[in-house]
């Protein structure tokens, strides 16, 4: 709203300095808004979503998870009979050359409506 108000004030003939002072913004910011408005119109004044864009499309991961979980970790060379989020993240990271953290994977499992329990404890000999 602030950027759009700035454009309206400029359209009414106010200077960049006056607009910046009234809106408590830097003159460079007002100049940037003018550039965005010139290049993209009103769409250019909209704020971007916070955070970075996901590296992997979540929809692709949600389709992949049930297929991976149906297989055994032994199919991928691990001497385990059950999956853990850490192990599943390791397999996904190796297969697709990505960096997916286990907590992110856990969040995706919930989105896929997959019930997840801890792996059974094993005896280390």
PDB file of N, CA and C in Angstrom:
ATOM      1  N   UNK A   1       0.831  -1.185   0.000  1.00  0.00           N
ATOM      2  CA  UNK A   1       0.000   0.000   0.000  1.00  0.00           C
ATOM      3  C   UNK A   1       0.880   1.255   0.000  1.00  0.00           C
ATOM      4  N   UNK A   2       1.968   1.205   0.733  1.00  0.00           N
ATOM      5  CA  UNK A   2       2.851   2.368   0.837  1.00  0.00           C
ATOM      6  C   UNK A   2       3.472   2.716  -0.519  1.00  0.00           C
ATOM      7  N   UNK A   3       3.853   1.701  -1.267  1.00  0.00           N
ATOM      8  CA  UNK A   3       4.456   1.940  -2.576  1.00  0.00           C
ATOM      9  C   UNK A   3       3.438   2.523  -3.547  1.00  0.00           C
ATOM     10  N   UNK A   4       2.224   2.022  -3.489  1.00  0.00           N
ATOM     11  CA  UNK A   4       1.165   2.533  -4.365  1.00  0.00           C
ATOM     12  C   UNK A   4       0.810   3.969  -4.003  1.00  0.00           C
ATOM     13  N   UNK A   5       0.772   4.271  -2.714  1.00  0.00           N
ATOM     14  CA  UNK A   5       0.516   5.649  -2.267  1.00  0.00           C
ATOM     15  C   UNK A   5       1.612   6.569  -2.781  1.00  0.00           C
ATOM     16  N   UNK A   6       2.854   6.088  -2.761  1.00  0.00           N
ATOM     17  CA  UNK A   6       3.964   6.895  -3.275  1.00  0.00           C
ATOM     18  C   UNK A   6       3.757   7.210  -4.749  1.00  0.00           C
ATOM     19  N   UNK A   7       3.306   6.226  -5.531  1.00  0.00           N
ATOM     20  CA  UNK A   7       3.074   6.457  -6.964  1.00  0.00           C
ATOM     21  C   UNK A   7       1.956   7.476  -7.173  1.00  0.00           C
ATOM     22  N   UNK A   8       0.911   7.396  -6.342  1.00  0.00           N
ATOM     23  CA  UNK A   8      -0.193   8.365  -6.449  1.00  0.00           C
ATOM     24  C   UNK A   8       0.283   9.773  -6.091  1.00  0.00           C
ATOM     25  N   UNK A   9       1.112   9.880  -5.069  1.00  0.00           N
ATOM     26  CA  UNK A   9       1.634  11.190  -4.668  1.00  0.00           C
ATOM     27  C   UNK A   9       2.520  11.774  -5.774  1.00  0.00           C
ATOM     28  N   UNK A  10       3.328  10.934  -6.390  1.00  0.00           N
ATOM     29  CA  UNK A  10       4.179  11.395  -7.487  1.00  0.00           C
ATOM     30  C   UNK A  10       3.335  11.807  -8.690  1.00  0.00           C
ATOM     31  N   UNK A  11       2.267  11.071  -8.939  1.00  0.00           N
ATOM     32  CA  UNK A  11       1.364  11.404 -10.050  1.00  0.00           C
ATOM     33  C   UNK A  11       0.690  12.762  -9.831  1.00  0.00           C
ATOM     34  N   UNK A  12       0.459  13.106  -8.560  1.00  0.00           N
ATOM     35  CA  UNK A  12      -0.157  14.400  -8.231  1.00  0.00           C
ATOM     36  C   UNK A  12       0.847  15.541  -8.305  1.00  0.00           C
ATOM     37  N   UNK A  13       2.106  15.241  -8.592  1.00  0.00           N
ATOM     38  CA  UNK A  13       3.090  16.288  -8.790  1.00  0.00           C
ATOM     39  C   UNK A  13       4.070  16.505  -7.658  1.00  0.00           C
ATOM     40  N   UNK A  14       4.028  15.689  -6.632  1.00  0.00           N
ATOM     41  CA  UNK A  14       4.979  15.841  -5.532  1.00  0.00           C
ATOM     42  C   UNK A  14       6.359  15.369  -5.977  1.00  0.00           C
ATOM     43  N   UNK A  15       7.391  15.894  -5.351  1.00  0.00           N
ATOM     44  CA  UNK A  15       8.759  15.487  -5.678  1.00  0.00           C
ATOM     45  C   UNK A  15       9.115  14.206  -4.932  1.00  0.00           C
ATOM     46  N   UNK A  16      10.149  13.545  -5.419  1.00  0.00           N
ATOM     47  CA  UNK A  16      10.619  12.313  -4.779  1.00  0.00           C
ATOM     48  C   UNK A  16      11.023  12.598  -3.335  1.00  0.00           C
ATOM     49  N   UNK A  17      11.668  13.732  -3.111  1.00  0.00           N
ATOM     50  CA  UNK A  17      12.109  14.100  -1.762  1.00  0.00           C
ATOM     51  C   UNK A  17      10.915  14.271  -0.830  1.00  0.00           C
ATOM     52  N   UNK A  18       9.865  14.955  -1.306  1.00  0.00           N
ATOM     53  CA  UNK A  18       8.669  15.157  -0.472  1.00  0.00           C
ATOM     54  C   UNK A  18       7.972  13.833  -0.169  1.00  0.00           C
ATOM     55  N   UNK A  19       7.850  12.989  -1.177  1.00  0.00           N
ATOM     56  CA  UNK A  19       7.204  11.681  -0.975  1.00  0.00           C
ATOM     57  C   UNK A  19       8.001  10.858   0.038  1.00  0.00           C
ATOM     58  N   UNK A  20       9.314  10.858  -0.110  1.00  0.00           N
ATOM     59  CA  UNK A  20      10.162  10.100   0.812  1.00  0.00           C
ATOM     60  C   UNK A  20      10.008  10.610   2.236  1.00  0.00           C
ATOM     61  N   UNK A  21       9.966  11.931   2.393  1.00  0.00           N
ATOM     62  CA  UNK A  21       9.842  12.516   3.729  1.00  0.00           C
ATOM     63  C   UNK A  21       8.479  12.170   4.341  1.00  0.00           C
ATOM     64  N   UNK A  22       7.401  12.292   3.568  1.00  0.00           N
ATOM     65  CA  UNK A  22       6.057  12.026   4.097  1.00  0.00           C
ATOM     66  C   UNK A  22       5.831  10.543   4.432  1.00  0.00           C
ATOM     67  N   UNK A  23       6.451   9.668   3.664  1.00  0.00           N
ATOM     68  CA  UNK A  23       6.254   8.233   3.900  1.00  0.00           C
ATOM     69  C   UNK A  23       7.345   7.613   4.773  1.00  0.00           C
ATOM     70  N   UNK A  24       8.262   8.462   5.260  1.00  0.00           N
ATOM     71  CA  UNK A  24       9.377   7.981   6.091  1.00  0.00           C
ATOM     72  C   UNK A  24      10.159   6.878   5.374  1.00  0.00           C
ATOM     73  N   UNK A  25      10.515   7.168   4.139  1.00  0.00           N
ATOM     74  CA  UNK A  25      11.286   6.223   3.330  1.00  0.00           C
ATOM     75  C   UNK A  25      12.503   6.945   2.771  1.00  0.00           C
ATOM     76  N   UNK A  26      13.490   6.199   2.373  1.00  0.00           N
ATOM     77  CA  UNK A  26      14.667   6.789   1.743  1.00  0.00           C
ATOM     78  C   UNK A  26      14.321   7.186   0.306  1.00  0.00           C
ATOM     79  N   UNK A  27      14.976   8.235  -0.182  1.00  0.00           N
ATOM     80  CA  UNK A  27      14.750   8.655  -1.569  1.00  0.00           C
ATOM     81  C   UNK A  27      15.127   7.540  -2.538  1.00  0.00           C
ATOM     82  N   UNK A  28      16.157   6.785  -2.190  1.00  0.00           N
ATOM     83  CA  UNK A  28      16.558   5.674  -3.065  1.00  0.00           C
ATOM     84  C   UNK A  28      15.458   4.611  -3.150  1.00  0.00           C
ATOM     85  N   UNK A  29      14.738   4.416  -2.045  1.00  0.00           N
ATOM     86  CA  UNK A  29      13.626   3.456  -2.060  1.00  0.00           C
ATOM     87  C   UNK A  29      12.518   3.942  -2.978  1.00  0.00           C
ATOM     88  N   UNK A  30      12.193   5.215  -2.884  1.00  0.00           N
ATOM     89  CA  UNK A  30      11.152   5.778  -3.752  1.00  0.00           C
ATOM     90  C   UNK A  30      11.588   5.653  -5.212  1.00  0.00           C
ATOM     91  N   UNK A  31      12.852   5.903  -5.482  1.00  0.00           N
ATOM     92  CA  UNK A  31      13.369   5.745  -6.843  1.00  0.00           C
ATOM     93  C   UNK A  31      13.257   4.313  -7.343  1.00  0.00           C
ATOM     94  N   UNK A  32      13.519   3.360  -6.456  1.00  0.00           N
ATOM     95  CA  UNK A  32      13.394   1.940  -6.803  1.00  0.00           C
ATOM     96  C   UNK A  32      11.944   1.591  -7.104  1.00  0.00           C
ATOM     97  N   UNK A  33      11.014   2.137  -6.298  1.00  0.00           N
ATOM     98  CA  UNK A  33       9.590   1.883  -6.519  1.00  0.00           C
ATOM     99  C   UNK A  33       9.154   2.429  -7.874  1.00  0.00           C
ATOM    100  N   UNK A  34       9.666   3.610  -8.227  1.00  0.00           N
ATOM    101  CA  UNK A  34       9.341   4.204  -9.531  1.00  0.00           C
ATOM    102  C   UNK A  34       9.819   3.265 -10.645  1.00  0.00           C
ATOM    103  N   UNK A  35      11.020   2.737 -10.496  1.00  0.00           N
ATOM    104  CA  UNK A  35      11.569   1.823 -11.500  1.00  0.00           C
ATOM    105  C   UNK A  35      10.716   0.566 -11.618  1.00  0.00           C
ATOM    106  N   UNK A  36      10.347  -0.030 -10.490  1.00  0.00           N
ATOM    107  CA  UNK A  36       9.511  -1.232 -10.512  1.00  0.00           C
ATOM    108  C   UNK A  36       8.171  -0.940 -11.172  1.00  0.00           C
ATOM    109  N   UNK A  37       7.590   0.214 -10.841  1.00  0.00           N
ATOM    110  CA  UNK A  37       6.293   0.590 -11.406  1.00  0.00           C
ATOM    111  C   UNK A  37       6.418   0.814 -12.914  1.00  0.00           C
ATOM    112  N   UNK A  38       7.506   1.430 -13.343  1.00  0.00           N
ATOM    113  CA  UNK A  38       7.722   1.686 -14.770  1.00  0.00           C
ATOM    114  C   UNK A  38       7.886   0.372 -15.538  1.00  0.00           C
ATOM    115  N   UNK A  39       8.607  -0.565 -14.966  1.00  0.00           N
ATOM    116  CA  UNK A  39       8.871  -1.835 -15.646  1.00  0.00           C
ATOM    117  C   UNK A  39       7.698  -2.809 -15.605  1.00  0.00           C
ATOM    118  N   UNK A  40       7.014  -2.888 -14.459  1.00  0.00           N
ATOM    119  CA  UNK A  40       6.023  -3.949 -14.255  1.00  0.00           C
ATOM    120  C   UNK A  40       4.625  -3.455 -13.899  1.00  0.00           C
ATOM    121  N   UNK A  41       4.423  -2.167 -13.804  1.00  0.00           N
ATOM    122  CA  UNK A  41       3.111  -1.654 -13.422  1.00  0.00           C
ATOM    123  C   UNK A  41       2.828  -1.903 -11.949  1.00  0.00           C
ATOM    124  N   UNK A  42       1.551  -1.994 -11.619  1.00  0.00           N
ATOM    125  CA  UNK A  42       1.137  -2.188 -10.221  1.00  0.00           C
ATOM    126  C   UNK A  42       1.676  -3.513  -9.671  1.00  0.00           C
ATOM    127  N   UNK A  43       1.785  -4.541 -10.526  1.00  0.00           N
ATOM    128  CA  UNK A  43       2.317  -5.843 -10.085  1.00  0.00           C
ATOM    129  C   UNK A  43       3.733  -5.712  -9.530  1.00  0.00           C
ATOM    130  N   UNK A  44       4.517  -4.783 -10.078  1.00  0.00           N
ATOM    131  CA  UNK A  44       5.884  -4.587  -9.628  1.00  0.00           C
ATOM    132  C   UNK A  44       5.983  -3.999  -8.235  1.00  0.00           C
ATOM    133  N   UNK A  45       4.893  -3.427  -7.743  1.00  0.00           N
ATOM    134  CA  UNK A  45       4.898  -2.819  -6.409  1.00  0.00           C
ATOM    135  C   UNK A  45       4.530  -3.811  -5.310  1.00  0.00           C
ATOM    136  N   UNK A  46       4.061  -4.995  -5.689  1.00  0.00           N
ATOM    137  CA  UNK A  46       3.665  -5.988  -4.691  1.00  0.00           C
ATOM    138  C   UNK A  46       4.899  -6.568  -4.014  1.00  0.00           C
ATOM    139  N   UNK A  47       4.754  -6.890  -2.737  1.00  0.00           N
ATOM    140  CA  UNK A  47       5.854  -7.485  -1.969  1.00  0.00           C
ATOM    141  C   UNK A  47       6.035  -8.940  -2.368  1.00  0.00           C
ATOM    142  N   UNK A  48       7.269  -9.387  -2.328  1.00  0.00           N
ATOM    143  CA  UNK A  48       7.557 -10.788  -2.576  1.00  0.00           C
ATOM    144  C   UNK A  48       7.260 -11.593  -1.321  1.00  0.00           C
ATOM    145  N   UNK A  49       7.003 -12.880  -1.506  1.00  0.00           N
ATOM    146  CA  UNK A  49       6.783 -13.742  -0.349  1.00  0.00           C
ATOM    147  C   UNK A  49       8.067 -13.829   0.457  1.00  0.00           C
ATOM    148  N   UNK A  50       7.976 -13.875   1.792  1.00  0.00           N
ATOM    149  CA  UNK A  50       9.196 -13.966   2.599  1.00  0.00           C
ATOM    150  C   UNK A  50       9.871 -15.322   2.425  1.00  0.00           C
ATOM    151  N   UNK A  51      11.169 -15.336   2.651  1.00  0.00           N
ATOM    152  CA  UNK A  51      11.926 -16.577   2.554  1.00  0.00           C
ATOM    153  C   UNK A  51      12.344 -16.877   1.132  1.00  0.00           C
ATOM    154  N   UNK A  52      13.090 -17.941   0.984  1.00  0.00           N
ATOM    155  CA  UNK A  52      13.532 -18.307  -0.354  1.00  0.00           C
ATOM    156  C   UNK A  52      12.559 -19.314  -0.963  1.00  0.00           C
ATOM    157  N   UNK A  53      12.586 -19.409  -2.256  1.00  0.00           N
ATOM    158  CA  UNK A  53      11.738 -20.374  -2.950  1.00  0.00           C
ATOM    159  C   UNK A  53      12.259 -21.782  -2.672  1.00  0.00           C
ATOM    160  N   UNK A  54      11.366 -22.758  -2.597  1.00  0.00           N
ATOM    161  CA  UNK A  54      11.832 -24.120  -2.362  1.00  0.00           C
ATOM    162  C   UNK A  54      12.748 -24.581  -3.494  1.00  0.00           C
ATOM    163  N   UNK A  55      13.785 -25.337  -3.143  1.00  0.00           N
ATOM    164  CA  UNK A  55      14.725 -25.826  -4.149  1.00  0.00           C
ATOM    165  C   UNK A  55      14.111 -26.941  -4.976  1.00  0.00           C
ATOM    166  N   UNK A  56      13.253 -27.695  -4.348  1.00  0.00           N
ATOM    167  CA  UNK A  56      12.601 -28.820  -4.997  1.00  0.00           C
ATOM    168  C   UNK A  56      11.116 -28.580  -4.950  1.00  0.00           C
ATOM    169  N   UNK A  57      10.386 -28.874  -6.008  1.00  0.00           N
ATOM    170  CA  UNK A  57       8.924 -28.746  -5.927  1.00  0.00           C
ATOM    171  C   UNK A  57       8.375 -29.744  -4.908  1.00  0.00           C
ATOM    172  N   UNK A  58       7.628 -29.248  -3.955  1.00  0.00           N
ATOM    173  CA  UNK A  58       7.100 -30.099  -2.883  1.00  0.00           C
ATOM    174  C   UNK A  58       6.225 -31.202  -3.460  1.00  0.00           C
ATOM    175  N   UNK A  59       5.474 -30.895  -4.521  1.00  0.00           N
ATOM    176  CA  UNK A  59       4.590 -31.899  -5.127  1.00  0.00           C
ATOM    177  C   UNK A  59       5.384 -33.114  -5.604  1.00  0.00           C
ATOM    178  N   UNK A  60       6.572 -32.886  -6.162  1.00  0.00           N
ATOM    179  CA  UNK A  60       7.409 -34.000  -6.626  1.00  0.00           C
ATOM    180  C   UNK A  60       7.874 -34.862  -5.460  1.00  0.00           C
ATOM    181  N   UNK A  61       8.245 -34.219  -4.371  1.00  0.00           N
ATOM    182  CA  UNK A  61       8.707 -34.963  -3.194  1.00  0.00           C
ATOM    183  C   UNK A  61       7.557 -35.778  -2.612  1.00  0.00           C
ATOM    184  N   UNK A  62       6.367 -35.181  -2.554  1.00  0.00           N
ATOM    185  CA  UNK A  62       5.223 -35.879  -1.977  1.00  0.00           C
ATOM    186  C   UNK A  62       4.836 -37.098  -2.814  1.00  0.00           C
ATOM    187  N   UNK A  63       5.090 -37.064  -4.120  1.00  0.00           N
ATOM    188  CA  UNK A  63       4.830 -38.235  -4.964  1.00  0.00           C
ATOM    189  C   UNK A  63       5.917 -39.294  -4.777  1.00  0.00           C
ATOM    190  N   UNK A  64       7.124 -38.853  -4.517  1.00  0.00           N
ATOM    191  CA  UNK A  64       8.266 -39.749  -4.391  1.00  0.00           C
ATOM    192  C   UNK A  64       8.283 -40.505  -3.058  1.00  0.00           C
ATOM    193  N   UNK A  65       7.871 -39.850  -1.985  1.00  0.00           N
ATOM    194  CA  UNK A  65       7.982 -40.445  -0.646  1.00  0.00           C
ATOM    195  C   UNK A  65       7.286 -41.798  -0.505  1.00  0.00           C
ATOM    196  N   UNK A  66       6.021 -41.937  -0.924  1.00  0.00           N
ATOM    197  CA  UNK A  66       5.386 -43.261  -0.765  1.00  0.00           C
ATOM    198  C   UNK A  66       6.125 -44.365  -1.528  1.00  0.00           C
ATOM    199  N   UNK A  67       6.687 -44.021  -2.686  1.00  0.00           N
ATOM    200  CA  UNK A  67       7.422 -45.024  -3.466  1.00  0.00           C
ATOM    201  C   UNK A  67       8.692 -45.464  -2.747  1.00  0.00           C
ATOM    202  N   UNK A  68       9.397 -44.516  -2.148  1.00  0.00           N
ATOM    203  CA  UNK A  68      10.626 -44.859  -1.427  1.00  0.00           C
ATOM    204  C   UNK A  68      10.336 -45.655  -0.165  1.00  0.00           C
ATOM    205  N   UNK A  69       9.314 -45.249   0.570  1.00  0.00           N
ATOM    206  CA  UNK A  69       9.012 -45.892   1.854  1.00  0.00           C
ATOM    207  C   UNK A  69       8.520 -47.323   1.645  1.00  0.00           C
ATOM    208  N   UNK A  70       7.929 -47.611   0.479  1.00  0.00           N
ATOM    209  CA  UNK A  70       7.484 -48.981   0.198  1.00  0.00           C
ATOM    210  C   UNK A  70       8.667 -49.938   0.059  1.00  0.00           C
ATOM    211  N   UNK A  71       9.807 -49.415  -0.330  1.00  0.00           N
ATOM    212  CA  UNK A  71      11.016 -50.226  -0.468  1.00  0.00           C
ATOM    213  C   UNK A  71      11.712 -50.309   0.891  1.00  0.00           C
ATOM    214  N   UNK A  72      12.604 -51.245   1.003  1.00  0.00           N
ATOM    215  CA  UNK A  72      13.357 -51.427   2.239  1.00  0.00           C
ATOM    216  C   UNK A  72      14.677 -50.668   2.148  1.00  0.00           C
ATOM    217  N   UNK A  73      15.206 -50.213   3.276  1.00  0.00           N
ATOM    218  CA  UNK A  73      16.537 -49.593   3.236  1.00  0.00           C
ATOM    219  C   UNK A  73      17.598 -50.541   2.664  1.00  0.00           C
ATOM    220  N   UNK A  74      17.373 -51.855   2.806  1.00  0.00           N
ATOM    221  CA  UNK A  74      18.316 -52.839   2.260  1.00  0.00           C
ATOM    222  C   UNK A  74      18.407 -52.734   0.734  1.00  0.00           C
ATOM    223  N   UNK A  75      17.304 -52.317   0.092  1.00  0.00           N
ATOM    224  CA  UNK A  75      17.311 -52.152  -1.367  1.00  0.00           C
ATOM    225  C   UNK A  75      18.287 -51.069  -1.808  1.00  0.00           C
ATOM    226  N   UNK A  76      18.646 -50.199  -0.879  1.00  0.00           N
ATOM    227  CA  UNK A  76      19.556 -49.099  -1.189  1.00  0.00           C
ATOM    228  C   UNK A  76      20.939 -49.309  -0.569  1.00  0.00           C
ATOM    229  N   UNK A  77      21.183 -50.538  -0.083  1.00  0.00           N
ATOM    230  CA  UNK A  77      22.505 -50.873   0.429  1.00  0.00           C
ATOM    231  C   UNK A  77      22.708 -50.632   1.915  1.00  0.00           C
ATOM    232  N   UNK A  78      21.646 -50.375   2.659  1.00  0.00           N
ATOM    233  CA  UNK A  78      21.769 -50.134   4.095  1.00  0.00           C
ATOM    234  C   UNK A  78      21.404 -51.401   4.849  1.00  0.00           C
ATOM    235  N   UNK A  79      22.102 -51.689   5.925  1.00  0.00           N
ATOM    236  CA  UNK A  79      21.837 -52.884   6.722  1.00  0.00           C
ATOM    237  C   UNK A  79      20.807 -52.582   7.803  1.00  0.00           C
ATOM    238  N   UNK A  80      19.671 -52.127   7.365  1.00  0.00           N
ATOM    239  CA  UNK A  80      18.567 -51.825   8.286  1.00  0.00           C
ATOM    240  C   UNK A  80      17.279 -52.353   7.682  1.00  0.00           C
ATOM    241  N   UNK A  81      16.337 -52.661   8.552  1.00  0.00           N
ATOM    242  CA  UNK A  81      15.052 -53.148   8.053  1.00  0.00           C
ATOM    243  C   UNK A  81      13.979 -52.066   8.087  1.00  0.00           C
ATOM    244  N   UNK A  82      14.234 -50.992   8.824  1.00  0.00           N
ATOM    245  CA  UNK A  82      13.246 -49.912   8.940  1.00  0.00           C
ATOM    246  C   UNK A  82      13.866 -48.579   8.554  1.00  0.00           C
ATOM    247  N   UNK A  83      12.991 -47.699   8.081  1.00  0.00           N
ATOM    248  CA  UNK A  83      13.427 -46.345   7.726  1.00  0.00           C
ATOM    249  C   UNK A  83      13.430 -45.440   8.951  1.00  0.00           C
ATOM    250  N   UNK A  84      14.350 -44.527   8.984  1.00  0.00           N
ATOM    251  CA  UNK A  84      14.310 -43.395   9.914  1.00  0.00           C
ATOM    252  C   UNK A  84      14.309 -42.148   9.030  1.00  0.00           C
ATOM    253  N   UNK A  85      13.920 -41.018   9.591  1.00  0.00           N
ATOM    254  CA  UNK A  85      13.924 -39.800   8.771  1.00  0.00           C
ATOM    255  C   UNK A  85      15.345 -39.455   8.338  1.00  0.00           C
ATOM    256  N   UNK A  86      16.315 -39.712   9.213  1.00  0.00           N
ATOM    257  CA  UNK A  86      17.709 -39.439   8.850  1.00  0.00           C
ATOM    258  C   UNK A  86      18.145 -40.290   7.660  1.00  0.00           C
ATOM    259  N   UNK A  87      17.817 -41.577   7.704  1.00  0.00           N
ATOM    260  CA  UNK A  87      18.215 -42.488   6.635  1.00  0.00           C
ATOM    261  C   UNK A  87      17.485 -42.163   5.334  1.00  0.00           C
ATOM    262  N   UNK A  88      16.209 -41.872   5.433  1.00  0.00           N
ATOM    263  CA  UNK A  88      15.432 -41.520   4.244  1.00  0.00           C
ATOM    264  C   UNK A  88      15.975 -40.239   3.606  1.00  0.00           C
ATOM    265  N   UNK A  89      16.343 -39.272   4.440  1.00  0.00           N
ATOM    266  CA  UNK A  89      16.937 -38.033   3.924  1.00  0.00           C
ATOM    267  C   UNK A  89      18.271 -38.323   3.240  1.00  0.00           C
ATOM    268  N   UNK A  90      19.083 -39.201   3.822  1.00  0.00           N
ATOM    269  CA  UNK A  90      20.363 -39.580   3.201  1.00  0.00           C
ATOM    270  C   UNK A  90      20.155 -40.195   1.820  1.00  0.00           C
ATOM    271  N   UNK A  91      19.178 -41.095   1.720  1.00  0.00           N
ATOM    272  CA  UNK A  91      18.913 -41.765   0.439  1.00  0.00           C
ATOM    273  C   UNK A  91      18.436 -40.758  -0.600  1.00  0.00           C
ATOM    274  N   UNK A  92      17.510 -39.883  -0.215  1.00  0.00           N
ATOM    275  CA  UNK A  92      17.010 -38.866  -1.153  1.00  0.00           C
ATOM    276  C   UNK A  92      18.143 -37.944  -1.585  1.00  0.00           C
ATOM    277  N   UNK A  93      18.970 -37.532  -0.641  1.00  0.00           N
ATOM    278  CA  UNK A  93      20.086 -36.634  -0.967  1.00  0.00           C
ATOM    279  C   UNK A  93      21.068 -37.283  -1.944  1.00  0.00           C
ATOM    280  N   UNK A  94      21.342 -38.575  -1.755  1.00  0.00           N
ATOM    281  CA  UNK A  94      22.278 -39.263  -2.656  1.00  0.00           C
ATOM    282  C   UNK A  94      21.668 -39.521  -4.027  1.00  0.00           C
ATOM    283  N   UNK A  95      20.403 -39.931  -4.054  1.00  0.00           N
ATOM    284  CA  UNK A  95      19.762 -40.252  -5.330  1.00  0.00           C
ATOM    285  C   UNK A  95      19.588 -39.028  -6.226  1.00  0.00           C
ATOM    286  N   UNK A  96      19.267 -37.892  -5.613  1.00  0.00           N
ATOM    287  CA  UNK A  96      18.897 -36.723  -6.407  1.00  0.00           C
ATOM    288  C   UNK A  96      19.863 -35.557  -6.269  1.00  0.00           C
ATOM    289  N   UNK A  97      20.982 -35.777  -5.583  1.00  0.00           N
ATOM    290  CA  UNK A  97      22.013 -34.751  -5.426  1.00  0.00           C
ATOM    291  C   UNK A  97      21.422 -33.438  -4.905  1.00  0.00           C
ATOM    292  N   UNK A  98      20.669 -33.550  -3.816  1.00  0.00           N
ATOM    293  CA  UNK A  98      20.078 -32.379  -3.160  1.00  0.00           C
ATOM    294  C   UNK A  98      20.498 -32.387  -1.700  1.00  0.00           C
ATOM    295  N   UNK A  99      20.131 -31.355  -0.978  1.00  0.00           N
ATOM    296  CA  UNK A  99      20.374 -31.292   0.457  1.00  0.00           C
ATOM    297  C   UNK A  99      19.027 -31.110   1.140  1.00  0.00           C
ATOM    298  N   UNK A 100      18.462 -32.209   1.589  1.00  0.00           N
ATOM    299  CA  UNK A 100      17.163 -32.193   2.249  1.00  0.00           C
ATOM    300  C   UNK A 100      17.390 -32.598   3.701  1.00  0.00           C
ATOM    301  N   UNK A 101      17.067 -31.727   4.635  1.00  0.00           N
ATOM    302  CA  UNK A 101      17.278 -32.007   6.055  1.00  0.00           C
ATOM    303  C   UNK A 101      16.178 -32.928   6.567  1.00  0.00           C
ATOM    304  N   UNK A 102      16.504 -33.718   7.577  1.00  0.00           N
ATOM    305  CA  UNK A 102      15.526 -34.674   8.111  1.00  0.00           C
ATOM    306  C   UNK A 102      14.282 -33.995   8.661  1.00  0.00           C
ATOM    307  N   UNK A 103      14.426 -32.787   9.238  1.00  0.00           N
ATOM    308  CA  UNK A 103      13.248 -32.092   9.770  1.00  0.00           C
ATOM    309  C   UNK A 103      12.337 -31.626   8.634  1.00  0.00           C
ATOM    310  N   UNK A 104      12.938 -31.237   7.504  1.00  0.00           N
ATOM    311  CA  UNK A 104      12.140 -30.868   6.332  1.00  0.00           C
ATOM    312  C   UNK A 104      11.423 -32.100   5.805  1.00  0.00           C
ATOM    313  N   UNK A 105      12.120 -33.214   5.763  1.00  0.00           N
ATOM    314  CA  UNK A 105      11.522 -34.466   5.319  1.00  0.00           C
ATOM    315  C   UNK A 105      10.370 -34.866   6.236  1.00  0.00           C
ATOM    316  N   UNK A 106      10.549 -34.688   7.529  1.00  0.00           N
ATOM    317  CA  UNK A 106       9.484 -35.006   8.487  1.00  0.00           C
ATOM    318  C   UNK A 106       8.243 -34.157   8.203  1.00  0.00           C
ATOM    319  N   UNK A 107       8.453 -32.884   7.898  1.00  0.00           N
ATOM    320  CA  UNK A 107       7.342 -31.986   7.559  1.00  0.00           C
ATOM    321  C   UNK A 107       6.634 -32.469   6.288  1.00  0.00           C
ATOM    322  N   UNK A 108       7.413 -32.916   5.298  1.00  0.00           N
ATOM    323  CA  UNK A 108       6.828 -33.424   4.052  1.00  0.00           C
ATOM    324  C   UNK A 108       6.046 -34.713   4.290  1.00  0.00           C
ATOM    325  N   UNK A 109       6.527 -35.547   5.190  1.00  0.00           N
ATOM    326  CA  UNK A 109       5.802 -36.777   5.510  1.00  0.00           C
ATOM    327  C   UNK A 109       4.431 -36.458   6.093  1.00  0.00           C
ATOM    328  N   UNK A 110       4.384 -35.449   6.955  1.00  0.00           N
ATOM    329  CA  UNK A 110       3.088 -35.046   7.508  1.00  0.00           C
ATOM    330  C   UNK A 110       2.173 -34.504   6.422  1.00  0.00           C
ATOM    331  N   UNK A 111       2.728 -33.725   5.483  1.00  0.00           N
ATOM    332  CA  UNK A 111       1.921 -33.188   4.382  1.00  0.00           C
ATOM    333  C   UNK A 111       1.376 -34.308   3.500  1.00  0.00           C
ATOM    334  N   UNK A 112       2.122 -35.398   3.392  1.00  0.00           N
ATOM    335  CA  UNK A 112       1.697 -36.539   2.578  1.00  0.00           C
ATOM    336  C   UNK A 112       0.768 -37.465   3.364  1.00  0.00           C
ATOM    337  N   UNK A 113       0.369 -37.055   4.575  1.00  0.00           N
ATOM    338  CA  UNK A 113      -0.491 -37.853   5.456  1.00  0.00           C
ATOM    339  C   UNK A 113       0.109 -39.230   5.743  1.00  0.00           C
ATOM    340  N   UNK A 114       1.411 -39.260   5.896  1.00  0.00           N
ATOM    341  CA  UNK A 114       2.088 -40.507   6.230  1.00  0.00           C
ATOM    342  C   UNK A 114       2.404 -40.490   7.720  1.00  0.00           C
ATOM    343  N   UNK A 115       1.997 -41.533   8.408  1.00  0.00           N
ATOM    344  CA  UNK A 115       2.264 -41.643   9.836  1.00  0.00           C
ATOM    345  C   UNK A 115       3.711 -42.066   9.994  1.00  0.00           C
ATOM    346  N   UNK A 116       4.418 -41.374  10.870  1.00  0.00           N
ATOM    347  CA  UNK A 116       5.835 -41.669  11.048  1.00  0.00           C
ATOM    348  C   UNK A 116       6.126 -41.924  12.510  1.00  0.00           C
ATOM    349  N   UNK A 117       6.767 -43.067  12.761  1.00  0.00           N
ATOM    350  CA  UNK A 117       7.194 -43.392  14.118  1.00  0.00           C
ATOM    351  C   UNK A 117       8.700 -43.560  14.097  1.00  0.00           C
ATOM    352  N   UNK A 118       9.268 -43.503  15.277  1.00  0.00           N
ATOM    353  CA  UNK A 118      10.716 -43.706  15.375  1.00  0.00           C
ATOM    354  C   UNK A 118      11.066 -45.136  14.985  1.00  0.00           C
ATOM    355  N   UNK A 119      12.256 -45.294  14.440  1.00  0.00           N
ATOM    356  CA  UNK A 119      12.736 -46.637  14.104  1.00  0.00           C
ATOM    357  C   UNK A 119      12.985 -47.416  15.389  1.00  0.00           C
ATOM    358  N   UNK A 120      12.851 -48.718  15.297  1.00  0.00           N
ATOM    359  CA  UNK A 120      13.081 -49.565  16.465  1.00  0.00           C
ATOM    360  C   UNK A 120      14.553 -49.502  16.854  1.00  0.00           C
ATOM    361  N   UNK A 121      14.842 -49.440  18.152  1.00  0.00           N
ATOM    362  CA  UNK A 121      16.245 -49.406  18.570  1.00  0.00           C
ATOM    363  C   UNK A 121      16.950 -50.709  18.194  1.00  0.00           C
ATOM    364  N   UNK A 122      18.209 -50.594  17.812  1.00  0.00           N
ATOM    365  CA  UNK A 122      18.978 -51.785  17.440  1.00  0.00           C
ATOM    366  C   UNK A 122      20.197 -51.893  18.341  1.00  0.00           C
ATOM    367  N   UNK A 123      20.662 -53.094  18.516  1.00  0.00           N
ATOM    368  CA  UNK A 123      21.816 -53.360  19.357  1.00  0.00           C
ATOM    369  C   UNK A 123      23.086 -53.166  18.536  1.00  0.00           C
ATOM    370  N   UNK A 124      23.990 -52.342  19.031  1.00  0.00           N
ATOM    371  CA  UNK A 124      25.266 -52.138  18.345  1.00  0.00           C
ATOM    372  C   UNK A 124      26.301 -53.062  18.974  1.00  0.00           C
ATOM    373  N   UNK A 125      26.880 -53.905  18.167  1.00  0.00           N
ATOM    374  CA  UNK A 125      27.860 -54.879  18.675  1.00  0.00           C
ATOM    375  C   UNK A 125      29.236 -54.533  18.161  1.00  0.00           C
TER     376      UNK A 125
END
